[in-house]
Amino acid sequence: MTGNPCTQWEGFKDYVIARVSQLKRLDGEDVSKSHRLEARQKLKMWQEKLRIAAAESIEKKKKITPEEYETMYTKESRVK
C-alpha cells in the first residue's frame, strides 16, 4: 500500500489486517497470527477513530473556498 494516502492514518495496518482475514503480507511484511489477533481486538476502536476522522475531513472540505479548491490535488486537477 506504499504511496496510498490511507497509509498516513495511524491505524491503517491494524484496520486492514483485521478487516481482510485472508491477507498474508502487507507492505512486504508477513502478517503474524499474533498481529492479526491484536488487530481484531482493536478493530472497534479503529472503526470509531476512522468514523471521526472521516466526519472531520468532510467538515474541513465544506469550509474550502473556491480559490483553495483550484490549487488542491483533486480528480479534476489530475485530468488537466
PDB file of N, CA and C in Angstrom:
ATOM      1  N   MET A   1       0.821  -1.186   0.000  1.00  0.00           N
ATOM      2  CA  MET A   1       0.000   0.000   0.000  1.00  0.00           C
ATOM      3  C   MET A   1       0.869   1.254   0.000  1.00  0.00           C
ATOM      4  N   THR A   2       2.124   1.065  -0.222  1.00  0.00           N
ATOM      5  CA  THR A   2       3.047   2.184  -0.241  1.00  0.00           C
ATOM      6  C   THR A   2       2.578   3.224  -1.258  1.00  0.00           C
ATOM      7  N   GLY A   3       2.558   4.477  -0.847  1.00  0.00           N
ATOM      8  CA  GLY A   3       2.130   5.559  -1.714  1.00  0.00           C
ATOM      9  C   GLY A   3       0.651   5.878  -1.619  1.00  0.00           C
ATOM     10  N   ASN A   4      -0.128   5.015  -1.007  1.00  0.00           N
ATOM     11  CA  ASN A   4      -1.556   5.255  -0.854  1.00  0.00           C
ATOM     12  C   ASN A   4      -1.764   6.247   0.290  1.00  0.00           C
ATOM     13  N   PRO A   5      -2.567   7.282   0.099  1.00  0.00           N
ATOM     14  CA  PRO A   5      -2.778   8.276   1.151  1.00  0.00           C
ATOM     15  C   PRO A   5      -3.314   7.697   2.461  1.00  0.00           C
ATOM     16  N   CYS A   6      -3.983   6.557   2.395  1.00  0.00           N
ATOM     17  CA  CYS A   6      -4.528   5.986   3.626  1.00  0.00           C
ATOM     18  C   CYS A   6      -3.424   5.565   4.590  1.00  0.00           C
ATOM     19  N   THR A   7      -2.210   5.375   4.090  1.00  0.00           N
ATOM     20  CA  THR A   7      -1.110   4.962   4.960  1.00  0.00           C
ATOM     21  C   THR A   7      -0.717   6.053   5.947  1.00  0.00           C
ATOM     22  N   GLN A   8      -1.194   7.263   5.735  1.00  0.00           N
ATOM     23  CA  GLN A   8      -0.913   8.364   6.656  1.00  0.00           C
ATOM     24  C   GLN A   8      -1.750   8.260   7.930  1.00  0.00           C
ATOM     25  N   TRP A   9      -2.808   7.458   7.906  1.00  0.00           N
ATOM     26  CA  TRP A   9      -3.651   7.265   9.087  1.00  0.00           C
ATOM     27  C   TRP A   9      -2.974   6.255   9.995  1.00  0.00           C
ATOM     28  N   GLU A  10      -2.846   6.580  11.274  1.00  0.00           N
ATOM     29  CA  GLU A  10      -2.074   5.770  12.210  1.00  0.00           C
ATOM     30  C   GLU A  10      -2.546   4.321  12.326  1.00  0.00           C
ATOM     31  N   GLY A  11      -3.814   4.044  12.155  1.00  0.00           N
ATOM     32  CA  GLY A  11      -4.329   2.701  12.372  1.00  0.00           C
ATOM     33  C   GLY A  11      -4.552   1.883  11.125  1.00  0.00           C
ATOM     34  N   PHE A  12      -4.020   2.337   9.992  1.00  0.00           N
ATOM     35  CA  PHE A  12      -4.379   1.670   8.744  1.00  0.00           C
ATOM     36  C   PHE A  12      -3.943   0.208   8.701  1.00  0.00           C
ATOM     37  N   LYS A  13      -2.755  -0.107   9.195  1.00  0.00           N
ATOM     38  CA  LYS A  13      -2.284  -1.501   9.121  1.00  0.00           C
ATOM     39  C   LYS A  13      -3.162  -2.417   9.962  1.00  0.00           C
ATOM     40  N   ASP A  14      -3.406  -2.036  11.209  1.00  0.00           N
ATOM     41  CA  ASP A  14      -4.259  -2.862  12.063  1.00  0.00           C
ATOM     42  C   ASP A  14      -5.653  -2.994  11.463  1.00  0.00           C
ATOM     43  N   TYR A  15      -6.176  -1.899  10.944  1.00  0.00           N
ATOM     44  CA  TYR A  15      -7.522  -1.914  10.361  1.00  0.00           C
ATOM     45  C   TYR A  15      -7.582  -2.877   9.170  1.00  0.00           C
ATOM     46  N   VAL A  16      -6.622  -2.777   8.270  1.00  0.00           N
ATOM     47  CA  VAL A  16      -6.612  -3.625   7.078  1.00  0.00           C
ATOM     48  C   VAL A  16      -6.420  -5.089   7.470  1.00  0.00           C
ATOM     49  N   ILE A  17      -5.501  -5.347   8.384  1.00  0.00           N
ATOM     50  CA  ILE A  17      -5.244  -6.725   8.817  1.00  0.00           C
ATOM     51  C   ILE A  17      -6.487  -7.329   9.458  1.00  0.00           C
ATOM     52  N   ALA A  18      -7.189  -6.551  10.271  1.00  0.00           N
ATOM     53  CA  ALA A  18      -8.395  -7.047  10.934  1.00  0.00           C
ATOM     54  C   ALA A  18      -9.540  -7.258   9.946  1.00  0.00           C
ATOM     55  N   ARG A  19      -9.658  -6.400   8.950  1.00  0.00           N
ATOM     56  CA  ARG A  19     -10.781  -6.476   8.008  1.00  0.00           C
ATOM     57  C   ARG A  19     -10.577  -7.487   6.877  1.00  0.00           C
ATOM     58  N   VAL A  20      -9.332  -7.747   6.507  1.00  0.00           N
ATOM     59  CA  VAL A  20      -9.047  -8.657   5.389  1.00  0.00           C
ATOM     60  C   VAL A  20      -8.428  -9.933   5.971  1.00  0.00           C
ATOM     61  N   SER A  21      -9.266 -10.878   6.306  1.00  0.00           N
ATOM     62  CA  SER A  21      -8.814 -12.064   7.035  1.00  0.00           C
ATOM     63  C   SER A  21      -7.862 -12.957   6.232  1.00  0.00           C
ATOM     64  N   GLN A  22      -7.941 -12.940   4.919  1.00  0.00           N
ATOM     65  CA  GLN A  22      -7.083 -13.785   4.107  1.00  0.00           C
ATOM     66  C   GLN A  22      -5.735 -13.143   3.776  1.00  0.00           C
ATOM     67  N   LEU A  23      -5.483 -11.939   4.259  1.00  0.00           N
ATOM     68  CA  LEU A  23      -4.245 -11.211   3.983  1.00  0.00           C
ATOM     69  C   LEU A  23      -3.052 -11.933   4.607  1.00  0.00           C
ATOM     70  N   LYS A  24      -2.040 -12.208   3.793  1.00  0.00           N
ATOM     71  CA  LYS A  24      -0.834 -12.907   4.268  1.00  0.00           C
ATOM     72  C   LYS A  24       0.342 -11.946   4.465  1.00  0.00           C
ATOM     73  N   ARG A  25       0.416 -10.922   3.598  1.00  0.00           N
ATOM     74  CA  ARG A  25       1.514  -9.941   3.662  1.00  0.00           C
ATOM     75  C   ARG A  25       0.950  -8.539   3.463  1.00  0.00           C
ATOM     76  N   LEU A  26       1.583  -7.576   4.127  1.00  0.00           N
ATOM     77  CA  LEU A  26       1.186  -6.179   3.969  1.00  0.00           C
ATOM     78  C   LEU A  26       2.444  -5.337   3.941  1.00  0.00           C
ATOM     79  N   ASP A  27       2.616  -4.588   2.889  1.00  0.00           N
ATOM     80  CA  ASP A  27       3.800  -3.744   2.700  1.00  0.00           C
ATOM     81  C   ASP A  27       5.096  -4.524   2.858  1.00  0.00           C
ATOM     82  N   GLY A  28       5.129  -5.732   2.281  1.00  0.00           N
ATOM     83  CA  GLY A  28       6.349  -6.528   2.275  1.00  0.00           C
ATOM     84  C   GLY A  28       6.636  -7.280   3.564  1.00  0.00           C
ATOM     85  N   GLU A  29       5.725  -7.241   4.513  1.00  0.00           N
ATOM     86  CA  GLU A  29       5.922  -7.928   5.784  1.00  0.00           C
ATOM     87  C   GLU A  29       4.847  -8.981   5.970  1.00  0.00           C
ATOM     88  N   ASP A  30       5.251 -10.155   6.489  1.00  0.00           N
ATOM     89  CA  ASP A  30       4.281 -11.192   6.800  1.00  0.00           C
ATOM     90  C   ASP A  30       3.363 -10.735   7.924  1.00  0.00           C
ATOM     91  N   VAL A  31       2.109 -11.147   7.837  1.00  0.00           N
ATOM     92  CA  VAL A  31       1.140 -10.849   8.888  1.00  0.00           C
ATOM     93  C   VAL A  31       1.118 -12.047   9.832  1.00  0.00           C
ATOM     94  N   SER A  32       1.592 -11.848  11.059  1.00  0.00           N
ATOM     95  CA  SER A  32       1.643 -12.947  12.020  1.00  0.00           C
ATOM     96  C   SER A  32       0.271 -13.173  12.654  1.00  0.00           C
ATOM     97  N   LYS A  33       0.093 -14.361  13.192  1.00  0.00           N
ATOM     98  CA  LYS A  33      -1.170 -14.675  13.864  1.00  0.00           C
ATOM     99  C   LYS A  33      -1.385 -13.747  15.056  1.00  0.00           C
ATOM    100  N   SER A  34      -0.315 -13.433  15.777  1.00  0.00           N
ATOM    101  CA  SER A  34      -0.454 -12.562  16.952  1.00  0.00           C
ATOM    102  C   SER A  34      -0.829 -11.141  16.534  1.00  0.00           C
ATOM    103  N   HIS A  35      -0.245 -10.658  15.432  1.00  0.00           N
ATOM    104  CA  HIS A  35      -0.598  -9.314  14.954  1.00  0.00           C
ATOM    105  C   HIS A  35      -2.056  -9.281  14.509  1.00  0.00           C
ATOM    106  N   ARG A  36      -2.501 -10.343  13.830  1.00  0.00           N
ATOM    107  CA  ARG A  36      -3.891 -10.412  13.385  1.00  0.00           C
ATOM    108  C   ARG A  36      -4.839 -10.417  14.589  1.00  0.00           C
ATOM    109  N   LEU A  37      -4.486 -11.164  15.632  1.00  0.00           N
ATOM    110  CA  LEU A  37      -5.304 -11.221  16.841  1.00  0.00           C
ATOM    111  C   LEU A  37      -5.378  -9.853  17.517  1.00  0.00           C
ATOM    112  N   GLU A  38      -4.234  -9.191  17.650  1.00  0.00           N
ATOM    113  CA  GLU A  38      -4.210  -7.847  18.247  1.00  0.00           C
ATOM    114  C   GLU A  38      -5.036  -6.869  17.423  1.00  0.00           C
ATOM    115  N   ALA A  39      -4.909  -6.966  16.101  1.00  0.00           N
ATOM    116  CA  ALA A  39      -5.650  -6.067  15.212  1.00  0.00           C
ATOM    117  C   ALA A  39      -7.154  -6.272  15.362  1.00  0.00           C
ATOM    118  N   ARG A  40      -7.568  -7.524  15.458  1.00  0.00           N
ATOM    119  CA  ARG A  40      -9.003  -7.810  15.624  1.00  0.00           C
ATOM    120  C   ARG A  40      -9.517  -7.295  16.958  1.00  0.00           C
ATOM    121  N   GLN A  41      -8.695  -7.354  17.986  1.00  0.00           N
ATOM    122  CA  GLN A  41      -9.106  -6.856  19.295  1.00  0.00           C
ATOM    123  C   GLN A  41      -9.259  -5.335  19.297  1.00  0.00           C
ATOM    124  N   LYS A  42      -8.504  -4.655  18.454  1.00  0.00           N
ATOM    125  CA  LYS A  42      -8.542  -3.189  18.384  1.00  0.00           C
ATOM    126  C   LYS A  42      -9.492  -2.672  17.297  1.00  0.00           C
ATOM    127  N   LEU A  43     -10.120  -3.568  16.554  1.00  0.00           N
ATOM    128  CA  LEU A  43     -10.918  -3.158  15.398  1.00  0.00           C
ATOM    129  C   LEU A  43     -12.003  -2.145  15.750  1.00  0.00           C
ATOM    130  N   LYS A  44     -12.762  -2.363  16.802  1.00  0.00           N
ATOM    131  CA  LYS A  44     -13.844  -1.421  17.151  1.00  0.00           C
ATOM    132  C   LYS A  44     -13.280  -0.032  17.436  1.00  0.00           C
ATOM    133  N   MET A  45     -12.140   0.032  18.122  1.00  0.00           N
ATOM    134  CA  MET A  45     -11.514   1.320  18.403  1.00  0.00           C
ATOM    135  C   MET A  45     -11.114   2.015  17.100  1.00  0.00           C
ATOM    136  N   TRP A  46     -10.471   1.263  16.185  1.00  0.00           N
ATOM    137  CA  TRP A  46     -10.046   1.861  14.920  1.00  0.00           C
ATOM    138  C   TRP A  46     -11.228   2.277  14.062  1.00  0.00           C
ATOM    139  N   GLN A  47     -12.306   1.502  14.094  1.00  0.00           N
ATOM    140  CA  GLN A  47     -13.501   1.881  13.324  1.00  0.00           C
ATOM    141  C   GLN A  47     -14.068   3.204  13.833  1.00  0.00           C
ATOM    142  N   GLU A  48     -14.096   3.385  15.142  1.00  0.00           N
ATOM    143  CA  GLU A  48     -14.605   4.637  15.709  1.00  0.00           C
ATOM    144  C   GLU A  48     -13.688   5.804  15.351  1.00  0.00           C
ATOM    145  N   LYS A  49     -12.378   5.594  15.453  1.00  0.00           N
ATOM    146  CA  LYS A  49     -11.437   6.663  15.089  1.00  0.00           C
ATOM    147  C   LYS A  49     -11.546   7.006  13.611  1.00  0.00           C
ATOM    148  N   LEU A  50     -11.756   5.996  12.775  1.00  0.00           N
ATOM    149  CA  LEU A  50     -11.913   6.239  11.343  1.00  0.00           C
ATOM    150  C   LEU A  50     -13.198   7.011  11.066  1.00  0.00           C
ATOM    151  N   ARG A  51     -14.278   6.672  11.759  1.00  0.00           N
ATOM    152  CA  ARG A  51     -15.547   7.392  11.596  1.00  0.00           C
ATOM    153  C   ARG A  51     -15.367   8.858  11.959  1.00  0.00           C
ATOM    154  N   ILE A  52     -14.671   9.130  13.058  1.00  0.00           N
ATOM    155  CA  ILE A  52     -14.435  10.504  13.500  1.00  0.00           C
ATOM    156  C   ILE A  52     -13.557  11.242  12.485  1.00  0.00           C
ATOM    157  N   ALA A  53     -12.494  10.589  12.020  1.00  0.00           N
ATOM    158  CA  ALA A  53     -11.600  11.215  11.041  1.00  0.00           C
ATOM    159  C   ALA A  53     -12.339  11.534   9.749  1.00  0.00           C
ATOM    160  N   ALA A  54     -13.219  10.640   9.316  1.00  0.00           N
ATOM    161  CA  ALA A  54     -13.988  10.878   8.095  1.00  0.00           C
ATOM    162  C   ALA A  54     -14.928  12.066   8.268  1.00  0.00           C
ATOM    163  N   ALA A  55     -15.589  12.141   9.414  1.00  0.00           N
ATOM    164  CA  ALA A  55     -16.500  13.261   9.679  1.00  0.00           C
ATOM    165  C   ALA A  55     -15.730  14.578   9.714  1.00  0.00           C
ATOM    166  N   GLU A  56     -14.546  14.573  10.335  1.00  0.00           N
ATOM    167  CA  GLU A  56     -13.728  15.790  10.382  1.00  0.00           C
ATOM    168  C   GLU A  56     -13.278  16.200   8.987  1.00  0.00           C
ATOM    169  N   SER A  57     -12.932  15.224   8.162  1.00  0.00           N
ATOM    170  CA  SER A  57     -12.496  15.513   6.797  1.00  0.00           C
ATOM    171  C   SER A  57     -13.634  16.125   5.985  1.00  0.00           C
ATOM    172  N   ILE A  58     -14.827  15.599   6.158  1.00  0.00           N
ATOM    173  CA  ILE A  58     -15.994  16.139   5.450  1.00  0.00           C
ATOM    174  C   ILE A  58     -16.255  17.580   5.871  1.00  0.00           C
ATOM    175  N   GLU A  59     -16.192  17.838   7.162  1.00  0.00           N
ATOM    176  CA  GLU A  59     -16.400  19.211   7.658  1.00  0.00           C
ATOM    177  C   GLU A  59     -15.325  20.156   7.131  1.00  0.00           C
ATOM    178  N   LYS A  60     -14.089  19.688   7.106  1.00  0.00           N
ATOM    179  CA  LYS A  60     -12.986  20.506   6.606  1.00  0.00           C
ATOM    180  C   LYS A  60     -13.196  20.845   5.134  1.00  0.00           C
ATOM    181  N   LYS A  61     -13.658  19.872   4.349  1.00  0.00           N
ATOM    182  CA  LYS A  61     -13.885  20.103   2.918  1.00  0.00           C
ATOM    183  C   LYS A  61     -15.027  21.084   2.671  1.00  0.00           C
ATOM    184  N   LYS A  62     -15.993  21.136   3.575  1.00  0.00           N
ATOM    185  CA  LYS A  62     -17.111  22.063   3.422  1.00  0.00           C
ATOM    186  C   LYS A  62     -16.656  23.511   3.563  1.00  0.00           C
ATOM    187  N   LYS A  63     -15.536  23.727   4.260  1.00  0.00           N
ATOM    188  CA  LYS A  63     -15.042  25.085   4.525  1.00  0.00           C
ATOM    189  C   LYS A  63     -14.043  25.579   3.480  1.00  0.00           C
ATOM    190  N   ILE A  64     -13.768  24.775   2.465  1.00  0.00           N
ATOM    191  CA  ILE A  64     -12.793  25.147   1.443  1.00  0.00           C
ATOM    192  C   ILE A  64     -13.391  26.192   0.511  1.00  0.00           C
ATOM    193  N   THR A  65     -12.633  27.240   0.267  1.00  0.00           N
ATOM    194  CA  THR A  65     -13.081  28.291  -0.653  1.00  0.00           C
ATOM    195  C   THR A  65     -12.799  27.849  -2.092  1.00  0.00           C
ATOM    196  N   PRO A  66     -13.489  28.459  -3.055  1.00  0.00           N
ATOM    197  CA  PRO A  66     -13.229  28.112  -4.457  1.00  0.00           C
ATOM    198  C   PRO A  66     -11.769  28.332  -4.860  1.00  0.00           C
ATOM    199  N   GLU A  67     -11.137  29.363  -4.292  1.00  0.00           N
ATOM    200  CA  GLU A  67      -9.738  29.634  -4.611  1.00  0.00           C
ATOM    201  C   GLU A  67      -8.835  28.515  -4.091  1.00  0.00           C
ATOM    202  N   GLU A  68      -9.125  28.032  -2.891  1.00  0.00           N
ATOM    203  CA  GLU A  68      -8.338  26.929  -2.325  1.00  0.00           C
ATOM    204  C   GLU A  68      -8.558  25.651  -3.127  1.00  0.00           C
ATOM    205  N   TYR A  69      -9.786  25.430  -3.560  1.00  0.00           N
ATOM    206  CA  TYR A  69     -10.125  24.232  -4.319  1.00  0.00           C
ATOM    207  C   TYR A  69      -9.335  24.168  -5.618  1.00  0.00           C
ATOM    208  N   GLU A  70      -9.131  25.310  -6.240  1.00  0.00           N
ATOM    209  CA  GLU A  70      -8.396  25.370  -7.509  1.00  0.00           C
ATOM    210  C   GLU A  70      -6.968  24.868  -7.360  1.00  0.00           C
ATOM    211  N   THR A  71      -6.366  25.048  -6.200  1.00  0.00           N
ATOM    212  CA  THR A  71      -4.966  24.661  -6.001  1.00  0.00           C
ATOM    213  C   THR A  71      -4.815  23.264  -5.397  1.00  0.00           C
ATOM    214  N   MET A  72      -5.912  22.625  -5.047  1.00  0.00           N
ATOM    215  CA  MET A  72      -5.852  21.297  -4.422  1.00  0.00           C
ATOM    216  C   MET A  72      -5.616  20.207  -5.457  1.00  0.00           C
ATOM    217  N   TYR A  73      -5.088  19.088  -5.001  1.00  0.00           N
ATOM    218  CA  TYR A  73      -4.911  17.915  -5.854  1.00  0.00           C
ATOM    219  C   TYR A  73      -6.217  17.148  -5.838  1.00  0.00           C
ATOM    220  N   THR A  74      -6.982  17.287  -6.899  1.00  0.00           N
ATOM    221  CA  THR A  74      -8.306  16.682  -6.995  1.00  0.00           C
ATOM    222  C   THR A  74      -8.410  15.853  -8.273  1.00  0.00           C
ATOM    223  N   LYS A  75      -9.524  15.156  -8.403  1.00  0.00           N
ATOM    224  CA  LYS A  75      -9.767  14.383  -9.620  1.00  0.00           C
ATOM    225  C   LYS A  75      -9.731  15.316 -10.831  1.00  0.00           C
ATOM    226  N   GLU A  76     -10.323  16.482 -10.689  1.00  0.00           N
ATOM    227  CA  GLU A  76     -10.358  17.437 -11.805  1.00  0.00           C
ATOM    228  C   GLU A  76      -8.955  17.920 -12.167  1.00  0.00           C
ATOM    229  N   SER A  77      -8.108  18.169 -11.149  1.00  0.00           N
ATOM    230  CA  SER A  77      -6.754  18.664 -11.453  1.00  0.00           C
ATOM    231  C   SER A  77      -5.917  17.567 -12.091  1.00  0.00           C
ATOM    232  N   ARG A  78      -6.171  16.307 -11.760  1.00  0.00           N
ATOM    233  CA  ARG A  78      -5.415  15.208 -12.380  1.00  0.00           C
ATOM    234  C   ARG A  78      -5.768  15.097 -13.854  1.00  0.00           C
ATOM    235  N   VAL A  79      -7.020  15.375 -14.210  1.00  0.00           N
ATOM    236  CA  VAL A  79      -7.438  15.306 -15.610  1.00  0.00           C
ATOM    237  C   VAL A  79      -6.747  16.379 -16.426  1.00  0.00           C
ATOM    238  N   LYS A  80      -6.609  17.579 -15.815  1.00  0.00           N
ATOM    239  CA  LYS A  80      -5.916  18.678 -16.516  1.00  0.00           C
ATOM    240  C   LYS A  80      -4.485  18.303 -16.773  1.00  0.00           C
TER     241      LYS A  80
END
